[in-house]
Full PDB file with SEQRES, HELIX, SHEET, SSBOND, CRYST1, ORIGX, SCALE, CONECT and MASTER records, all heavy atoms in Angstrom:
SEQRES   1 A   40  ILE ALA MET PHE PHE GLN LEU TYR LEU ALA THR VAL PHE          
SEQRES   2 A   40  LEU GLU MET LEU LEU VAL THR ASN ILE ILE PRO THR ALA          
SEQRES   3 A   40  SER ILE LEU TYR PRO PHE PHE THR ALA ALA HIS LEU GLY          
SEQRES   4 A   40  LEU                                                          
HELIX    1 AA1 ALA A    2  VAL A   19  1                                  18    
HELIX    2 AA2 TYR A   30  GLY A   39  1                                  10    
CRYST1    1.000    1.000    1.000  90.00  90.00  90.00 P 1           1          
ORIGX1      1.000000  0.000000  0.000000        0.00000                         
ORIGX2      0.000000  1.000000  0.000000        0.00000                         
ORIGX3      0.000000  0.000000  1.000000        0.00000                         
SCALE1      1.000000  0.000000  0.000000        0.00000                         
SCALE2      0.000000  1.000000  0.000000        0.00000                         
SCALE3      0.000000  0.000000  1.000000        0.00000                         
ATOM      1  N   ILE A   1      -5.208   6.805 -15.723  1.00  0.00           N  
ATOM      2  CA  ILE A   1      -4.856   5.427 -15.383  1.00  0.00           C  
ATOM      3  C   ILE A   1      -3.614   4.978 -16.142  1.00  0.00           C  
ATOM      4  O   ILE A   1      -2.848   4.125 -15.659  1.00  0.00           O  
ATOM      5  CB  ILE A   1      -6.038   4.465 -15.665  1.00  0.00           C  
ATOM      6  CG1 ILE A   1      -5.849   3.142 -14.904  1.00  0.00           C  
ATOM      7  CG2 ILE A   1      -6.200   4.212 -17.142  1.00  0.00           C  
ATOM      8  CD1 ILE A   1      -5.920   3.254 -13.412  1.00  0.00           C  
ATOM      9  N   ALA A   2      -3.386   5.561 -17.322  1.00  0.00           N  
ATOM     10  CA  ALA A   2      -2.173   5.226 -18.077  1.00  0.00           C  
ATOM     11  C   ALA A   2      -0.927   5.633 -17.299  1.00  0.00           C  
ATOM     12  O   ALA A   2       0.100   4.940 -17.351  1.00  0.00           O  
ATOM     13  CB  ALA A   2      -2.192   5.917 -19.440  1.00  0.00           C  
ATOM     14  N   MET A   3      -1.006   6.733 -16.546  1.00  0.00           N  
ATOM     15  CA  MET A   3       0.128   7.148 -15.714  1.00  0.00           C  
ATOM     16  C   MET A   3       0.473   6.082 -14.683  1.00  0.00           C  
ATOM     17  O   MET A   3       1.649   5.796 -14.425  1.00  0.00           O  
ATOM     18  CB  MET A   3      -0.189   8.465 -14.996  1.00  0.00           C  
ATOM     19  CG  MET A   3      -0.350   9.665 -15.885  1.00  0.00           C  
ATOM     20  SD  MET A   3      -0.618  11.136 -14.862  1.00  0.00           S  
ATOM     21  CE  MET A   3      -1.292  12.249 -16.086  1.00  0.00           C  
ATOM     22  N   PHE A   4      -0.562   5.496 -14.079  1.00  0.00           N  
ATOM     23  CA  PHE A   4      -0.330   4.451 -13.077  1.00  0.00           C  
ATOM     24  C   PHE A   4       0.403   3.272 -13.689  1.00  0.00           C  
ATOM     25  O   PHE A   4       1.391   2.773 -13.120  1.00  0.00           O  
ATOM     26  CB  PHE A   4      -1.661   3.995 -12.481  1.00  0.00           C  
ATOM     27  CG  PHE A   4      -1.574   2.681 -11.758  1.00  0.00           C  
ATOM     28  CD1 PHE A   4      -0.941   2.593 -10.533  1.00  0.00           C  
ATOM     29  CD2 PHE A   4      -2.112   1.528 -12.320  1.00  0.00           C  
ATOM     30  CE1 PHE A   4      -0.840   1.372  -9.872  1.00  0.00           C  
ATOM     31  CE2 PHE A   4      -2.025   0.311 -11.660  1.00  0.00           C  
ATOM     32  CZ  PHE A   4      -1.383   0.235 -10.437  1.00  0.00           C  
ATOM     33  N   PHE A   5      -0.053   2.805 -14.840  1.00  0.00           N  
ATOM     34  CA  PHE A   5       0.587   1.650 -15.472  1.00  0.00           C  
ATOM     35  C   PHE A   5       2.011   1.982 -15.924  1.00  0.00           C  
ATOM     36  O   PHE A   5       2.902   1.122 -15.873  1.00  0.00           O  
ATOM     37  CB  PHE A   5      -0.250   1.148 -16.639  1.00  0.00           C  
ATOM     38  CG  PHE A   5      -1.545   0.513 -16.224  1.00  0.00           C  
ATOM     39  CD1 PHE A   5      -2.756   1.074 -16.588  1.00  0.00           C  
ATOM     40  CD2 PHE A   5      -1.559  -0.628 -15.451  1.00  0.00           C  
ATOM     41  CE1 PHE A   5      -3.956   0.500 -16.198  1.00  0.00           C  
ATOM     42  CE2 PHE A   5      -2.750  -1.214 -15.050  1.00  0.00           C  
ATOM     43  CZ  PHE A   5      -3.955  -0.644 -15.418  1.00  0.00           C  
ATOM     44  N   GLN A   6       2.239   3.203 -16.354  1.00  0.00           N  
ATOM     45  CA  GLN A   6       3.588   3.602 -16.752  1.00  0.00           C  
ATOM     46  C   GLN A   6       4.528   3.632 -15.557  1.00  0.00           C  
ATOM     47  O   GLN A   6       5.690   3.217 -15.649  1.00  0.00           O  
ATOM     48  CB  GLN A   6       3.531   4.966 -17.436  1.00  0.00           C  
ATOM     49  CG  GLN A   6       2.903   4.923 -18.820  1.00  0.00           C  
ATOM     50  CD  GLN A   6       2.476   6.293 -19.326  1.00  0.00           C  
ATOM     51  OE1 GLN A   6       2.479   7.283 -18.587  1.00  0.00           O  
ATOM     52  NE2 GLN A   6       2.082   6.363 -20.586  1.00  0.00           N  
ATOM     53  N   LEU A   7       4.031   4.104 -14.422  1.00  0.00           N  
ATOM     54  CA  LEU A   7       4.844   4.109 -13.204  1.00  0.00           C  
ATOM     55  C   LEU A   7       5.139   2.681 -12.744  1.00  0.00           C  
ATOM     56  O   LEU A   7       6.257   2.375 -12.311  1.00  0.00           O  
ATOM     57  CB  LEU A   7       4.131   4.885 -12.100  1.00  0.00           C  
ATOM     58  CG  LEU A   7       4.121   6.404 -12.247  1.00  0.00           C  
ATOM     59  CD1 LEU A   7       3.181   7.041 -11.231  1.00  0.00           C  
ATOM     60  CD2 LEU A   7       5.533   6.969 -12.077  1.00  0.00           C  
ATOM     61  N   TYR A   8       4.136   1.815 -12.820  1.00  0.00           N  
ATOM     62  CA  TYR A   8       4.352   0.419 -12.448  1.00  0.00           C  
ATOM     63  C   TYR A   8       5.378  -0.229 -13.370  1.00  0.00           C  
ATOM     64  O   TYR A   8       6.244  -1.002 -12.924  1.00  0.00           O  
ATOM     65  CB  TYR A   8       3.032  -0.347 -12.505  1.00  0.00           C  
ATOM     66  CG  TYR A   8       3.188  -1.836 -12.284  1.00  0.00           C  
ATOM     67  CD1 TYR A   8       3.489  -2.345 -11.020  1.00  0.00           C  
ATOM     68  CD2 TYR A   8       3.044  -2.734 -13.341  1.00  0.00           C  
ATOM     69  CE1 TYR A   8       3.649  -3.710 -10.819  1.00  0.00           C  
ATOM     70  CE2 TYR A   8       3.197  -4.097 -13.148  1.00  0.00           C  
ATOM     71  CZ  TYR A   8       3.502  -4.577 -11.883  1.00  0.00           C  
ATOM     72  OH  TYR A   8       3.653  -5.932 -11.687  1.00  0.00           O  
ATOM     73  N   LEU A   9       5.312   0.085 -14.659  1.00  0.00           N  
ATOM     74  CA  LEU A   9       6.279  -0.442 -15.623  1.00  0.00           C  
ATOM     75  C   LEU A   9       7.699  -0.025 -15.245  1.00  0.00           C  
ATOM     76  O   LEU A   9       8.625  -0.846 -15.233  1.00  0.00           O  
ATOM     77  CB  LEU A   9       5.934   0.073 -17.023  1.00  0.00           C  
ATOM     78  CG  LEU A   9       6.776  -0.461 -18.186  1.00  0.00           C  
ATOM     79  CD1 LEU A   9       6.393  -1.900 -18.499  1.00  0.00           C  
ATOM     80  CD2 LEU A   9       6.584   0.400 -19.431  1.00  0.00           C  
ATOM     81  N   ALA A  10       7.880   1.252 -14.911  1.00  0.00           N  
ATOM     82  CA  ALA A  10       9.203   1.742 -14.516  1.00  0.00           C  
ATOM     83  C   ALA A  10       9.664   1.096 -13.215  1.00  0.00           C  
ATOM     84  O   ALA A  10      10.854   0.775 -13.050  1.00  0.00           O  
ATOM     85  CB  ALA A  10       9.165   3.263 -14.367  1.00  0.00           C  
ATOM     86  N   THR A  11       8.743   0.880 -12.282  1.00  0.00           N  
ATOM     87  CA  THR A  11       9.082   0.252 -11.002  1.00  0.00           C  
ATOM     88  C   THR A  11       9.576  -1.169 -11.208  1.00  0.00           C  
ATOM     89  O   THR A  11      10.597  -1.585 -10.635  1.00  0.00           O  
ATOM     90  CB  THR A  11       7.849   0.239 -10.074  1.00  0.00           C  
ATOM     91  OG1 THR A  11       7.374   1.562  -9.888  1.00  0.00           O  
ATOM     92  CG2 THR A  11       8.205  -0.358  -8.719  1.00  0.00           C  
ATOM     93  N   VAL A  12       8.870  -1.938 -12.030  1.00  0.00           N  
ATOM     94  CA  VAL A  12       9.265  -3.323 -12.307  1.00  0.00           C  
ATOM     95  C   VAL A  12      10.613  -3.366 -13.009  1.00  0.00           C  
ATOM     96  O   VAL A  12      11.473  -4.212 -12.694  1.00  0.00           O  
ATOM     97  CB  VAL A  12       8.190  -4.031 -13.161  1.00  0.00           C  
ATOM     98  CG1 VAL A  12       8.682  -5.396 -13.634  1.00  0.00           C  
ATOM     99  CG2 VAL A  12       6.904  -4.180 -12.371  1.00  0.00           C  
ATOM    100  N   PHE A  13      10.828  -2.454 -13.936  1.00  0.00           N  
ATOM    101  CA  PHE A  13      12.096  -2.424 -14.678  1.00  0.00           C  
ATOM    102  C   PHE A  13      13.269  -2.165 -13.741  1.00  0.00           C  
ATOM    103  O   PHE A  13      14.303  -2.855 -13.801  1.00  0.00           O  
ATOM    104  CB  PHE A  13      12.038  -1.356 -15.770  1.00  0.00           C  
ATOM    105  CG  PHE A  13      13.292  -1.261 -16.585  1.00  0.00           C  
ATOM    106  CD1 PHE A  13      13.620  -2.261 -17.492  1.00  0.00           C  
ATOM    107  CD2 PHE A  13      14.150  -0.178 -16.453  1.00  0.00           C  
ATOM    108  CE1 PHE A  13      14.794  -2.188 -18.244  1.00  0.00           C  
ATOM    109  CE2 PHE A  13      15.313  -0.098 -17.200  1.00  0.00           C  
ATOM    110  CZ  PHE A  13      15.638  -1.102 -18.099  1.00  0.00           C  
ATOM    111  N   LEU A  14      13.128  -1.185 -12.849  1.00  0.00           N  
ATOM    112  CA  LEU A  14      14.206  -0.894 -11.904  1.00  0.00           C  
ATOM    113  C   LEU A  14      14.415  -2.047 -10.941  1.00  0.00           C  
ATOM    114  O   LEU A  14      15.553  -2.405 -10.620  1.00  0.00           O  
ATOM    115  CB  LEU A  14      13.893   0.388 -11.126  1.00  0.00           C  
ATOM    116  CG  LEU A  14      14.453   1.697 -11.675  1.00  0.00           C  
ATOM    117  CD1 LEU A  14      14.208   2.836 -10.703  1.00  0.00           C  
ATOM    118  CD2 LEU A  14      15.941   1.579 -11.975  1.00  0.00           C  
ATOM    119  N   GLU A  15      13.335  -2.622 -10.461  1.00  0.00           N  
ATOM    120  CA  GLU A  15      13.458  -3.759  -9.545  1.00  0.00           C  
ATOM    121  C   GLU A  15      14.191  -4.914 -10.216  1.00  0.00           C  
ATOM    122  O   GLU A  15      15.025  -5.579  -9.599  1.00  0.00           O  
ATOM    123  CB  GLU A  15      12.069  -4.211  -9.089  1.00  0.00           C  
ATOM    124  CG  GLU A  15      12.105  -5.365  -8.103  1.00  0.00           C  
ATOM    125  CD  GLU A  15      10.716  -5.788  -7.666  1.00  0.00           C  
ATOM    126  OE1 GLU A  15      10.029  -6.457  -8.463  1.00  0.00           O  
ATOM    127  OE2 GLU A  15      10.325  -5.439  -6.532  1.00  0.00           O  
ATOM    128  N   MET A  16      13.892  -5.146 -11.484  1.00  0.00           N  
ATOM    129  CA  MET A  16      14.551  -6.212 -12.225  1.00  0.00           C  
ATOM    130  C   MET A  16      16.059  -5.980 -12.289  1.00  0.00           C  
ATOM    131  O   MET A  16      16.857  -6.902 -12.108  1.00  0.00           O  
ATOM    132  CB  MET A  16      13.968  -6.302 -13.634  1.00  0.00           C  
ATOM    133  CG  MET A  16      14.563  -7.400 -14.495  1.00  0.00           C  
ATOM    134  SD  MET A  16      13.845  -7.425 -16.151  1.00  0.00           S  
ATOM    135  CE  MET A  16      14.490  -5.869 -16.811  1.00  0.00           C  
ATOM    136  N   LEU A  17      16.461  -4.742 -12.543  1.00  0.00           N  
ATOM    137  CA  LEU A  17      17.886  -4.424 -12.621  1.00  0.00           C  
ATOM    138  C   LEU A  17      18.588  -4.619 -11.282  1.00  0.00           C  
ATOM    139  O   LEU A  17      19.753  -5.046 -11.228  1.00  0.00           O  
ATOM    140  CB  LEU A  17      18.070  -2.981 -13.088  1.00  0.00           C  
ATOM    141  CG  LEU A  17      17.575  -2.610 -14.486  1.00  0.00           C  
ATOM    142  CD1 LEU A  17      17.848  -1.143 -14.778  1.00  0.00           C  
ATOM    143  CD2 LEU A  17      18.231  -3.484 -15.547  1.00  0.00           C  
ATOM    144  N   LEU A  18      17.882  -4.330 -10.192  1.00  0.00           N  
ATOM    145  CA  LEU A  18      18.501  -4.347  -8.871  1.00  0.00           C  
ATOM    146  C   LEU A  18      18.557  -5.745  -8.262  1.00  0.00           C  
ATOM    147  O   LEU A  18      19.598  -6.158  -7.744  1.00  0.00           O  
ATOM    148  CB  LEU A  18      17.748  -3.402  -7.935  1.00  0.00           C  
ATOM    149  CG  LEU A  18      17.854  -1.912  -8.290  1.00  0.00           C  
ATOM    150  CD1 LEU A  18      16.850  -1.095  -7.500  1.00  0.00           C  
ATOM    151  CD2 LEU A  18      19.269  -1.400  -8.037  1.00  0.00           C  
ATOM    152  N   VAL A  19      17.460  -6.486  -8.304  1.00  0.00           N  
ATOM    153  CA  VAL A  19      17.429  -7.787  -7.615  1.00  0.00           C  
ATOM    154  C   VAL A  19      18.182  -8.865  -8.375  1.00  0.00           C  
ATOM    155  O   VAL A  19      18.557  -9.880  -7.792  1.00  0.00           O  
ATOM    156  CB  VAL A  19      15.972  -8.253  -7.361  1.00  0.00           C  
ATOM    157  CG1 VAL A  19      15.215  -7.237  -6.540  1.00  0.00           C  
ATOM    158  CG2 VAL A  19      15.253  -8.560  -8.659  1.00  0.00           C  
ATOM    159  N   THR A  20      18.424  -8.663  -9.670  1.00  0.00           N  
ATOM    160  CA  THR A  20      19.091  -9.689 -10.472  1.00  0.00           C  
ATOM    161  C   THR A  20      20.597  -9.463 -10.605  1.00  0.00           C  
ATOM    162  O   THR A  20      21.273 -10.221 -11.301  1.00  0.00           O  
ATOM    163  CB  THR A  20      18.481  -9.737 -11.889  1.00  0.00           C  
ATOM    164  OG1 THR A  20      18.636  -8.465 -12.516  1.00  0.00           O  
ATOM    165  CG2 THR A  20      17.014 -10.112 -11.823  1.00  0.00           C  
ATOM    166  N   ASN A  21      21.117  -8.420  -9.965  1.00  0.00           N  
ATOM    167  CA  ASN A  21      22.546  -8.100  -9.989  1.00  0.00           C  
ATOM    168  C   ASN A  21      23.010  -7.538 -11.326  1.00  0.00           C  
ATOM    169  O   ASN A  21      24.204  -7.466 -11.601  1.00  0.00           O  
ATOM    170  CB  ASN A  21      23.395  -9.343  -9.652  1.00  0.00           C  
ATOM    171  CG  ASN A  21      24.813  -8.985  -9.234  1.00  0.00           C  
ATOM    172  OD1 ASN A  21      25.023  -8.078  -8.429  1.00  0.00           O  
ATOM    173  ND2 ASN A  21      25.800  -9.686  -9.782  1.00  0.00           N  
ATOM    174  N   ILE A  22      22.063  -7.137 -12.176  1.00  0.00           N  
ATOM    175  CA  ILE A  22      22.462  -6.420 -13.395  1.00  0.00           C  
ATOM    176  C   ILE A  22      23.147  -5.114 -12.989  1.00  0.00           C  
ATOM    177  O   ILE A  22      24.119  -4.682 -13.612  1.00  0.00           O  
ATOM    178  CB  ILE A  22      21.234  -6.162 -14.287  1.00  0.00           C  
ATOM    179  CG1 ILE A  22      20.667  -7.492 -14.795  1.00  0.00           C  
ATOM    180  CG2 ILE A  22      21.596  -5.263 -15.468  1.00  0.00           C  
ATOM    181  CD1 ILE A  22      19.399  -7.373 -15.596  1.00  0.00           C  
ATOM    182  N   ILE A  23      22.620  -4.483 -11.943  1.00  0.00           N  
ATOM    183  CA  ILE A  23      23.333  -3.395 -11.263  1.00  0.00           C  
ATOM    184  C   ILE A  23      23.854  -3.993  -9.966  1.00  0.00           C  
ATOM    185  O   ILE A  23      23.090  -4.216  -9.033  1.00  0.00           O  
ATOM    186  CB  ILE A  23      22.407  -2.198 -10.971  1.00  0.00           C  
ATOM    187  CG1 ILE A  23      21.850  -1.632 -12.265  1.00  0.00           C  
ATOM    188  CG2 ILE A  23      23.153  -1.119 -10.203  1.00  0.00           C  
ATOM    189  CD1 ILE A  23      20.871  -0.494 -12.063  1.00  0.00           C  
ATOM    190  N   PRO A  24      25.141  -4.284  -9.862  1.00  0.00           N  
ATOM    191  CA  PRO A  24      25.671  -4.973  -8.678  1.00  0.00           C  
ATOM    192  C   PRO A  24      25.515  -4.126  -7.408  1.00  0.00           C  
ATOM    193  O   PRO A  24      25.544  -2.894  -7.454  1.00  0.00           O  
ATOM    194  CB  PRO A  24      27.152  -5.169  -9.020  1.00  0.00           C  
ATOM    195  CG  PRO A  24      27.248  -4.992 -10.497  1.00  0.00           C  
ATOM    196  CD  PRO A  24      26.181  -4.028 -10.872  1.00  0.00           C  
ATOM    197  N   THR A  25      25.370  -4.811  -6.299  1.00  0.00           N  
ATOM    198  CA  THR A  25      25.234  -4.099  -5.021  1.00  0.00           C  
ATOM    199  C   THR A  25      26.498  -3.316  -4.671  1.00  0.00           C  
ATOM    200  O   THR A  25      26.434  -2.341  -3.933  1.00  0.00           O  
ATOM    201  CB  THR A  25      24.919  -5.094  -3.891  1.00  0.00           C  
ATOM    202  OG1 THR A  25      25.939  -6.104  -3.854  1.00  0.00           O  
ATOM    203  CG2 THR A  25      23.570  -5.757  -4.126  1.00  0.00           C  
ATOM    204  N   ALA A  26      27.634  -3.755  -5.199  1.00  0.00           N  
ATOM    205  CA  ALA A  26      28.892  -3.053  -4.928  1.00  0.00           C  
ATOM    206  C   ALA A  26      29.069  -1.810  -5.786  1.00  0.00           C  
ATOM    207  O   ALA A  26      29.977  -1.001  -5.535  1.00  0.00           O  
ATOM    208  CB  ALA A  26      30.071  -3.999  -5.154  1.00  0.00           C  
ATOM    209  N   SER A  27      28.208  -1.632  -6.766  1.00  0.00           N  
ATOM    210  CA  SER A  27      28.326  -0.481  -7.667  1.00  0.00           C  
ATOM    211  C   SER A  27      28.012   0.820  -6.937  1.00  0.00           C  
ATOM    212  O   SER A  27      27.140   0.868  -6.060  1.00  0.00           O  
ATOM    213  CB  SER A  27      27.389  -0.651  -8.858  1.00  0.00           C  
ATOM    214  OG  SER A  27      27.331   0.532  -9.635  1.00  0.00           O  
ATOM    215  N   ILE A  28      28.685   1.877  -7.307  1.00  0.00           N  
ATOM    216  CA  ILE A  28      28.431   3.190  -6.714  1.00  0.00           C  
ATOM    217  C   ILE A  28      27.049   3.711  -7.091  1.00  0.00           C  
ATOM    218  O   ILE A  28      26.482   4.577  -6.419  1.00  0.00           O  
ATOM    219  CB  ILE A  28      29.530   4.197  -7.163  1.00  0.00           C  
ATOM    220  CG1 ILE A  28      29.461   5.468  -6.323  1.00  0.00           C  
ATOM    221  CG2 ILE A  28      29.400   4.501  -8.658  1.00  0.00           C  
ATOM    222  CD1 ILE A  28      30.596   6.429  -6.603  1.00  0.00           C  
ATOM    223  N   LEU A  29      26.479   3.164  -8.178  1.00  0.00           N  
ATOM    224  CA  LEU A  29      25.152   3.592  -8.633  1.00  0.00           C  
ATOM    225  C   LEU A  29      24.019   2.881  -7.905  1.00  0.00           C  
ATOM    226  O   LEU A  29      22.869   3.334  -7.971  1.00  0.00           O  
ATOM    227  CB  LEU A  29      25.021   3.333 -10.140  1.00  0.00           C  
ATOM    228  CG  LEU A  29      25.972   4.099 -11.057  1.00  0.00           C  
ATOM    229  CD1 LEU A  29      25.775   3.654 -12.498  1.00  0.00           C  
ATOM    230  CD2 LEU A  29      25.758   5.604 -10.931  1.00  0.00           C  
ATOM    231  N   TYR A  30      24.327   1.780  -7.225  1.00  0.00           N  
ATOM    232  CA  TYR A  30      23.261   0.982  -6.609  1.00  0.00           C  
ATOM    233  C   TYR A  30      22.397   1.791  -5.639  1.00  0.00           C  
ATOM    234  O   TYR A  30      21.158   1.691  -5.704  1.00  0.00           O  
ATOM    235  CB  TYR A  30      23.854  -0.240  -5.910  1.00  0.00           C  
ATOM    236  CG  TYR A  30      22.799  -1.221  -5.443  1.00  0.00           C  
ATOM    237  CD1 TYR A  30      22.347  -2.228  -6.288  1.00  0.00           C  
ATOM    238  CD2 TYR A  30      22.240  -1.138  -4.165  1.00  0.00           C  
ATOM    239  CE1 TYR A  30      21.368  -3.133  -5.877  1.00  0.00           C  
ATOM    240  CE2 TYR A  30      21.260  -2.029  -3.753  1.00  0.00           C  
ATOM    241  CZ  TYR A  30      20.835  -3.025  -4.603  1.00  0.00           C  
ATOM    242  OH  TYR A  30      19.860  -3.896  -4.198  1.00  0.00           O  
ATOM    243  N   PRO A  31      22.974   2.586  -4.732  1.00  0.00           N  
ATOM    244  CA  PRO A  31      22.111   3.360  -3.817  1.00  0.00           C  
ATOM    245  C   PRO A  31      21.188   4.334  -4.544  1.00  0.00           C  
ATOM    246  O   PRO A  31      20.041   4.536  -4.119  1.00  0.00           O  
ATOM    247  CB  PRO A  31      23.112   4.110  -2.933  1.00  0.00           C  
ATOM    248  CG  PRO A  31      24.370   3.312  -3.012  1.00  0.00           C  
ATOM    249  CD  PRO A  31      24.394   2.762  -4.405  1.00  0.00           C  
ATOM    250  N   PHE A  32      21.656   4.929  -5.638  1.00  0.00           N  
ATOM    251  CA  PHE A  32      20.835   5.897  -6.371  1.00  0.00           C  
ATOM    252  C   PHE A  32      19.665   5.198  -7.078  1.00  0.00           C  
ATOM    253  O   PHE A  32      18.532   5.694  -7.052  1.00  0.00           O  
ATOM    254  CB  PHE A  32      21.699   6.648  -7.391  1.00  0.00           C  
ATOM    255  CG  PHE A  32      22.757   7.505  -6.764  1.00  0.00           C  
ATOM    256  CD1 PHE A  32      24.056   7.047  -6.608  1.00  0.00           C  
ATOM    257  CD2 PHE A  32      22.450   8.779  -6.303  1.00  0.00           C  
ATOM    258  CE1 PHE A  32      25.027   7.833  -6.026  1.00  0.00           C  
ATOM    259  CE2 PHE A  32      23.413   9.589  -5.718  1.00  0.00           C  
ATOM    260  CZ  PHE A  32      24.707   9.105  -5.580  1.00  0.00           C  
ATOM    261  N   PHE A  33      19.954   4.048  -7.691  1.00  0.00           N  
ATOM    262  CA  PHE A  33      18.880   3.307  -8.355  1.00  0.00           C  
ATOM    263  C   PHE A  33      17.889   2.736  -7.332  1.00  0.00           C  
ATOM    264  O   PHE A  33      16.688   2.679  -7.599  1.00  0.00           O  
ATOM    265  CB  PHE A  33      19.453   2.184  -9.217  1.00  0.00           C  
ATOM    266  CG  PHE A  33      19.939   2.641 -10.559  1.00  0.00           C  
ATOM    267  CD1 PHE A  33      21.273   2.968 -10.774  1.00  0.00           C  
ATOM    268  CD2 PHE A  33      19.061   2.755 -11.624  1.00  0.00           C  
ATOM    269  CE1 PHE A  33      21.710   3.395 -12.012  1.00  0.00           C  
ATOM    270  CE2 PHE A  33      19.492   3.180 -12.879  1.00  0.00           C  
ATOM    271  CZ  PHE A  33      20.823   3.503 -13.064  1.00  0.00           C  
ATOM    272  N   THR A  34      18.404   2.328  -6.171  1.00  0.00           N  
ATOM    273  CA  THR A  34      17.513   1.824  -5.130  1.00  0.00           C  
ATOM    274  C   THR A  34      16.621   2.933  -4.595  1.00  0.00           C  
ATOM    275  O   THR A  34      15.416   2.730  -4.369  1.00  0.00           O  
ATOM    276  CB  THR A  34      18.332   1.214  -3.979  1.00  0.00           C  
ATOM    277  OG1 THR A  34      19.172   0.170  -4.489  1.00  0.00           O  
ATOM    278  CG2 THR A  34      17.417   0.644  -2.901  1.00  0.00           C  
ATOM    279  N   ALA A  35      17.192   4.111  -4.396  1.00  0.00           N  
ATOM    280  CA  ALA A  35      16.394   5.255  -3.951  1.00  0.00           C  
ATOM    281  C   ALA A  35      15.319   5.593  -4.979  1.00  0.00           C  
ATOM    282  O   ALA A  35      14.169   5.886  -4.623  1.00  0.00           O  
ATOM    283  CB  ALA A  35      17.299   6.466  -3.713  1.00  0.00           C  
ATOM    284  N   ALA A  36      15.681   5.527  -6.265  1.00  0.00           N  
ATOM    285  CA  ALA A  36      14.700   5.779  -7.323  1.00  0.00           C  
ATOM    286  C   ALA A  36      13.619   4.711  -7.316  1.00  0.00           C  
ATOM    287  O   ALA A  36      12.428   5.013  -7.513  1.00  0.00           O  
ATOM    288  CB  ALA A  36      15.394   5.828  -8.678  1.00  0.00           C  
ATOM    289  N   HIS A  37      14.012   3.465  -7.073  1.00  0.00           N  
ATOM    290  CA  HIS A  37      13.025   2.381  -7.032  1.00  0.00           C  
ATOM    291  C   HIS A  37      12.040   2.568  -5.877  1.00  0.00           C  
ATOM    292  O   HIS A  37      10.823   2.428  -6.044  1.00  0.00           O  
ATOM    293  CB  HIS A  37      13.738   1.037  -6.889  1.00  0.00           C  
ATOM    294  CG  HIS A  37      12.806  -0.119  -6.693  1.00  0.00           C  
ATOM    295  ND1 HIS A  37      12.678  -0.775  -5.490  1.00  0.00           N  
ATOM    296  CD2 HIS A  37      11.931  -0.727  -7.540  1.00  0.00           C  
ATOM    297  CE1 HIS A  37      11.776  -1.728  -5.599  1.00  0.00           C  
ATOM    298  NE2 HIS A  37      11.312  -1.724  -6.829  1.00  0.00           N  
ATOM    299  N   LEU A  38      12.562   2.905  -4.699  1.00  0.00           N  
ATOM    300  CA  LEU A  38      11.679   3.139  -3.550  1.00  0.00           C  
ATOM    301  C   LEU A  38      10.759   4.332  -3.808  1.00  0.00           C  
ATOM    302  O   LEU A  38       9.585   4.323  -3.425  1.00  0.00           O  
ATOM    303  CB  LEU A  38      12.516   3.378  -2.295  1.00  0.00           C  
ATOM    304  CG  LEU A  38      13.366   2.193  -1.820  1.00  0.00           C  
ATOM    305  CD1 LEU A  38      14.214   2.592  -0.631  1.00  0.00           C  
ATOM    306  CD2 LEU A  38      12.495   1.003  -1.478  1.00  0.00           C  
ATOM    307  N   GLY A  39      11.303   5.356  -4.465  1.00  0.00           N  
ATOM    308  CA  GLY A  39      10.479   6.503  -4.832  1.00  0.00           C  
ATOM    309  C   GLY A  39       9.372   6.113  -5.791  1.00  0.00           C  
ATOM    310  O   GLY A  39       8.234   6.575  -5.657  1.00  0.00           O  
ATOM    311  N   LEU A  40       9.681   5.235  -6.741  1.00  0.00           N  
ATOM    312  CA  LEU A  40       8.671   4.795  -7.706  1.00  0.00           C  
ATOM    313  C   LEU A  40       7.611   3.921  -7.055  1.00  0.00           C  
ATOM    314  O   LEU A  40       6.436   3.979  -7.428  1.00  0.00           O  
ATOM    315  CB  LEU A  40       9.342   4.033  -8.851  1.00  0.00           C  
ATOM    316  CG  LEU A  40      10.030   4.888  -9.918  1.00  0.00           C  
ATOM    317  CD1 LEU A  40      10.817   4.006 -10.881  1.00  0.00           C  
ATOM    318  CD2 LEU A  40       9.011   5.726 -10.685  1.00  0.00           C  
TER     319      LEU A  40                                                      
MASTER        0    0    0    2    0    0    0    6  318    1    0    4          
END                                                                             
């Protein structure tokens, strides 16, 4: 169950970076982080 909570923690962290523009949508890294977020 600790694995589940750790994955959820990583998912929330990535979502926070993406939806708040900390990683801008115009950035070349945005698609990679978004793909990682969807994977998580």
